[in-house]
Amino acid sequence: MAKIIVNRSSSIFNGTRSFDVWIDNKKAGSIKNGSSEEFNIAEGEHIIQCKLMWYASNPVTVTLKGDQVKVLKVAPHPRQWIVLGIVLIGFFLLPLITPVPHPEWYKQLRMICFIGIIVCMILFVGVLRKSALQLKSDHKSIFN
């Protein structure tokens, strides 16, 4: 029987929640932050996808023969660090580096940062929700 191993990297994004692993549009199990799960499946072509609430990864098509093992890696998409960077710069670092009382441009820059956060949140929850997670072949694995 063929096997698929899904490795989830450790991340602060959704770290307390498990990602659901779907094989051929059926929930096969879930994977916790920083862990690995193995799924025994029949040989042939399969579609693997990871989901978390309304977020989803790209579907990955895997073809397995005999007792072949395929290792996949799932992680939050790196663009989520952009939102964290905007939050840190706009709301935590700017007050520390600007003189008090704050200059006029300070309010405008904070407003731009705030608008950026809102736009990113709308994109992640709406348009980009189908690619919020990244699922790909784990090239560091000895099986691939």
C-alpha atoms as a PDB file:
ATOM      1  CA  MET A   1       0.000   0.000   0.000  1.00  0.00           C
ATOM      2  CA  ALA A   2       1.272   3.461  -0.895  1.00  0.00           C
ATOM      3  CA  LYS A   3       1.789   6.126   1.715  1.00  0.00           C
ATOM      4  CA  ILE A   4       1.578   9.915   1.864  1.00  0.00           C
ATOM      5  CA  ILE A   5       3.373  11.742   4.662  1.00  0.00           C
ATOM      6  CA  VAL A   6       2.354  15.340   5.350  1.00  0.00           C
ATOM      7  CA  ASN A   7       4.791  17.483   7.356  1.00  0.00           C
ATOM      8  CA  ARG A   8       3.527  20.716   8.880  1.00  0.00           C
ATOM      9  CA  SER A   9       6.104  23.326   9.711  1.00  0.00           C
ATOM     10  CA  SER A  10       5.865  25.099  13.046  1.00  0.00           C
ATOM     11  CA  SER A  11       4.412  28.599  12.758  1.00  0.00           C
ATOM     12  CA  ILE A  12       2.825  31.279  14.905  1.00  0.00           C
ATOM     13  CA  PHE A  13       0.066  31.639  12.304  1.00  0.00           C
ATOM     14  CA  ASN A  14      -2.783  29.307  13.284  1.00  0.00           C
ATOM     15  CA  GLY A  15      -0.382  27.475  15.574  1.00  0.00           C
ATOM     16  CA  THR A  16      -3.073  26.327  17.981  1.00  0.00           C
ATOM     17  CA  ARG A  17      -5.347  24.884  15.297  1.00  0.00           C
ATOM     18  CA  SER A  18      -5.007  21.699  13.278  1.00  0.00           C
ATOM     19  CA  PHE A  19      -5.044  21.673   9.485  1.00  0.00           C
ATOM     20  CA  ASP A  20      -7.429  19.143   7.918  1.00  0.00           C
ATOM     21  CA  VAL A  21      -5.881  16.872   5.283  1.00  0.00           C
ATOM     22  CA  TRP A  22      -8.169  15.987   2.391  1.00  0.00           C
ATOM     23  CA  ILE A  23      -7.413  13.146  -0.009  1.00  0.00           C
ATOM     24  CA  ASP A  24      -9.621  12.865  -3.094  1.00  0.00           C
ATOM     25  CA  ASN A  25     -12.156  15.331  -1.605  1.00  0.00           C
ATOM     26  CA  LYS A  26     -12.574  13.279   1.591  1.00  0.00           C
ATOM     27  CA  LYS A  27     -11.223  14.301   4.970  1.00  0.00           C
ATOM     28  CA  ALA A  28      -8.457  11.832   5.808  1.00  0.00           C
ATOM     29  CA  GLY A  29      -7.276  13.356   9.091  1.00  0.00           C
ATOM     30  CA  SER A  30      -5.699  16.419  10.634  1.00  0.00           C
ATOM     31  CA  ILE A  31      -2.205  17.627  11.413  1.00  0.00           C
ATOM     32  CA  LYS A  32      -1.068  19.717  14.371  1.00  0.00           C
ATOM     33  CA  ASN A  33       1.478  22.530  14.349  1.00  0.00           C
ATOM     34  CA  GLY A  34       5.028  21.236  13.845  1.00  0.00           C
ATOM     35  CA  SER A  35       4.041  17.582  13.403  1.00  0.00           C
ATOM     36  CA  SER A  36       3.781  14.911  10.700  1.00  0.00           C
ATOM     37  CA  GLU A  37       1.002  12.527   9.768  1.00  0.00           C
ATOM     38  CA  GLU A  38       1.047   9.420   7.588  1.00  0.00           C
ATOM     39  CA  PHE A  39      -1.830   8.349   5.360  1.00  0.00           C
ATOM     40  CA  ASN A  40      -2.002   4.895   3.769  1.00  0.00           C
ATOM     41  CA  ILE A  41      -3.720   5.023   0.397  1.00  0.00           C
ATOM     42  CA  ALA A  42      -4.197   2.808  -2.629  1.00  0.00           C
ATOM     43  CA  GLU A  43      -1.790   3.237  -5.501  1.00  0.00           C
ATOM     44  CA  GLY A  44      -2.826   5.524  -8.323  1.00  0.00           C
ATOM     45  CA  GLU A  45      -3.476   9.221  -8.793  1.00  0.00           C
ATOM     46  CA  HIS A  46      -4.749  11.226  -5.815  1.00  0.00           C
ATOM     47  CA  ILE A  47      -5.511  14.881  -5.097  1.00  0.00           C
ATOM     48  CA  ILE A  48      -4.217  16.139  -1.749  1.00  0.00           C
ATOM     49  CA  GLN A  49      -5.309  19.401  -0.137  1.00  0.00           C
ATOM     50  CA  CYS A  50      -5.074  20.937   3.330  1.00  0.00           C
ATOM     51  CA  LYS A  51      -7.803  23.123   4.807  1.00  0.00           C
ATOM     52  CA  LEU A  52      -8.404  25.251   7.874  1.00  0.00           C
ATOM     53  CA  MET A  53     -11.884  26.734   8.235  1.00  0.00           C
ATOM     54  CA  TRP A  54     -12.283  28.856   5.069  1.00  0.00           C
ATOM     55  CA  TYR A  55      -8.564  28.743   4.216  1.00  0.00           C
ATOM     56  CA  ALA A  56      -7.237  26.131   1.813  1.00  0.00           C
ATOM     57  CA  SER A  57      -4.030  25.091   0.122  1.00  0.00           C
ATOM     58  CA  ASN A  58      -3.455  24.517  -3.522  1.00  0.00           C
ATOM     59  CA  PRO A  59      -4.537  20.994  -4.551  1.00  0.00           C
ATOM     60  CA  VAL A  60      -1.558  18.757  -5.280  1.00  0.00           C
ATOM     61  CA  THR A  61      -1.893  15.774  -7.606  1.00  0.00           C
ATOM     62  CA  VAL A  62       0.212  12.792  -6.575  1.00  0.00           C
ATOM     63  CA  THR A  63       0.677   9.561  -8.527  1.00  0.00           C
ATOM     64  CA  LEU A  64       1.869   6.601  -6.453  1.00  0.00           C
ATOM     65  CA  LYS A  65       2.867   3.094  -7.534  1.00  0.00           C
ATOM     66  CA  GLY A  66       3.196   0.017  -5.344  1.00  0.00           C
ATOM     67  CA  ASP A  67       4.607   0.838  -1.908  1.00  0.00           C
ATOM     68  CA  GLN A  68       5.861   4.262  -2.955  1.00  0.00           C
ATOM     69  CA  VAL A  69       6.029   7.011  -0.313  1.00  0.00           C
ATOM     70  CA  LYS A  70       5.445  10.690  -1.128  1.00  0.00           C
ATOM     71  CA  VAL A  71       6.256  13.428   1.389  1.00  0.00           C
ATOM     72  CA  LEU A  72       4.449  16.775   1.267  1.00  0.00           C
ATOM     73  CA  LYS A  73       5.004  19.901   3.338  1.00  0.00           C
ATOM     74  CA  VAL A  74       2.250  22.307   4.386  1.00  0.00           C
ATOM     75  CA  ALA A  75       2.713  25.761   5.895  1.00  0.00           C
ATOM     76  CA  PRO A  76       0.926  29.107   6.020  1.00  0.00           C
ATOM     77  CA  HIS A  77       1.704  31.157   2.926  1.00  0.00           C
ATOM     78  CA  PRO A  78       4.707  33.493   3.481  1.00  0.00           C
ATOM     79  CA  ARG A  79       2.744  36.591   2.475  1.00  0.00           C
ATOM     80  CA  GLN A  80       1.092  36.515   5.912  1.00  0.00           C
ATOM     81  CA  TRP A  81       4.342  37.937   7.257  1.00  0.00           C
ATOM     82  CA  ILE A  82       3.568  41.115   5.271  1.00  0.00           C
ATOM     83  CA  VAL A  83       0.534  41.759   7.454  1.00  0.00           C
ATOM     84  CA  LEU A  84       2.554  41.134  10.594  1.00  0.00           C
ATOM     85  CA  GLY A  85       5.223  43.560   9.345  1.00  0.00           C
ATOM     86  CA  ILE A  86       2.649  46.274   8.665  1.00  0.00           C
ATOM     87  CA  VAL A  87       1.167  45.826  12.131  1.00  0.00           C
ATOM     88  CA  LEU A  88       4.560  45.951  13.823  1.00  0.00           C
ATOM     89  CA  ILE A  89       5.769  48.998  11.923  1.00  0.00           C
ATOM     90  CA  GLY A  90       2.523  50.935  11.971  1.00  0.00           C
ATOM     91  CA  PHE A  91       1.379  50.407  15.499  1.00  0.00           C
ATOM     92  CA  PHE A  92       4.312  49.365  17.652  1.00  0.00           C
ATOM     93  CA  LEU A  93       7.559  50.734  16.225  1.00  0.00           C
ATOM     94  CA  LEU A  94       6.387  54.128  14.936  1.00  0.00           C
ATOM     95  CA  PRO A  95       5.368  55.419  18.383  1.00  0.00           C
ATOM     96  CA  LEU A  96       8.807  54.472  19.701  1.00  0.00           C
ATOM     97  CA  ILE A  97      10.859  56.247  17.027  1.00  0.00           C
ATOM     98  CA  THR A  98       8.826  59.424  16.497  1.00  0.00           C
ATOM     99  CA  PRO A  99       9.133  62.437  18.776  1.00  0.00           C
ATOM    100  CA  VAL A 100       6.324  63.410  21.121  1.00  0.00           C
ATOM    101  CA  PRO A 101       4.156  65.274  20.272  1.00  0.00           C
ATOM    102  CA  HIS A 102       3.904  63.348  17.017  1.00  0.00           C
ATOM    103  CA  PRO A 103       4.448  65.256  13.758  1.00  0.00           C
ATOM    104  CA  GLU A 104       1.592  65.687  11.268  1.00  0.00           C
ATOM    105  CA  TRP A 105       2.890  62.980   8.915  1.00  0.00           C
ATOM    106  CA  TYR A 106       2.722  60.448  11.754  1.00  0.00           C
ATOM    107  CA  LYS A 107      -1.088  60.327  11.746  1.00  0.00           C
ATOM    108  CA  GLN A 108      -1.144  59.938   7.974  1.00  0.00           C
ATOM    109  CA  LEU A 109       1.406  57.121   8.037  1.00  0.00           C
ATOM    110  CA  ARG A 110      -0.518  55.261  10.747  1.00  0.00           C
ATOM    111  CA  MET A 111      -3.689  55.629   8.683  1.00  0.00           C
ATOM    112  CA  ILE A 112      -1.907  54.183   5.633  1.00  0.00           C
ATOM    113  CA  CYS A 113      -0.703  51.244   7.749  1.00  0.00           C
ATOM    114  CA  PHE A 114      -4.214  50.714   9.101  1.00  0.00           C
ATOM    115  CA  ILE A 115      -5.713  50.757   5.596  1.00  0.00           C
ATOM    116  CA  GLY A 116      -3.022  48.273   4.508  1.00  0.00           C
ATOM    117  CA  ILE A 117      -4.009  45.926   7.313  1.00  0.00           C
ATOM    118  CA  ILE A 118      -7.696  46.122   6.353  1.00  0.00           C
ATOM    119  CA  VAL A 119      -6.914  45.501   2.668  1.00  0.00           C
ATOM    120  CA  CYS A 120      -4.707  42.494   3.508  1.00  0.00           C
ATOM    121  CA  MET A 121      -7.370  41.032   5.798  1.00  0.00           C
ATOM    122  CA  ILE A 122     -10.015  41.387   3.081  1.00  0.00           C
ATOM    123  CA  LEU A 123      -7.683  39.744   0.573  1.00  0.00           C
ATOM    124  CA  PHE A 124      -6.836  36.828   2.895  1.00  0.00           C
ATOM    125  CA  VAL A 125     -10.435  36.150   3.903  1.00  0.00           C
ATOM    126  CA  GLY A 126     -11.882  36.725   0.436  1.00  0.00           C
ATOM    127  CA  VAL A 127      -9.821  36.590  -2.711  1.00  0.00           C
ATOM    128  CA  LEU A 128      -6.734  34.715  -1.475  1.00  0.00           C
ATOM    129  CA  ARG A 129      -8.399  32.255   0.916  1.00  0.00           C
ATOM    130  CA  LYS A 130      -7.901  29.351  -1.500  1.00  0.00           C
ATOM    131  CA  SER A 131      -4.136  29.871  -1.347  1.00  0.00           C
ATOM    132  CA  ALA A 132      -3.668  30.868   2.310  1.00  0.00           C
ATOM    133  CA  LEU A 133      -1.850  27.588   2.937  1.00  0.00           C
ATOM    134  CA  GLN A 134       1.026  26.311   0.854  1.00  0.00           C
ATOM    135  CA  LEU A 135       1.240  22.575   0.084  1.00  0.00           C
ATOM    136  CA  LYS A 136       4.201  21.292  -1.897  1.00  0.00           C
ATOM    137  CA  SER A 137       6.566  18.377  -2.261  1.00  0.00           C
ATOM    138  CA  ASP A 138       9.140  18.185   0.519  1.00  0.00           C
ATOM    139  CA  HIS A 139      12.397  17.987  -1.424  1.00  0.00           C
ATOM    140  CA  LYS A 140      14.438  17.500   1.756  1.00  0.00           C
ATOM    141  CA  SER A 141      12.813  14.127   2.342  1.00  0.00           C
ATOM    142  CA  ILE A 142      14.710  10.960   1.460  1.00  0.00           C
ATOM    143  CA  PHE A 143      11.526   9.492  -0.061  1.00  0.00           C
ATOM    144  CA  ASN A 144      11.044  12.127  -2.804  1.00  0.00           C
END
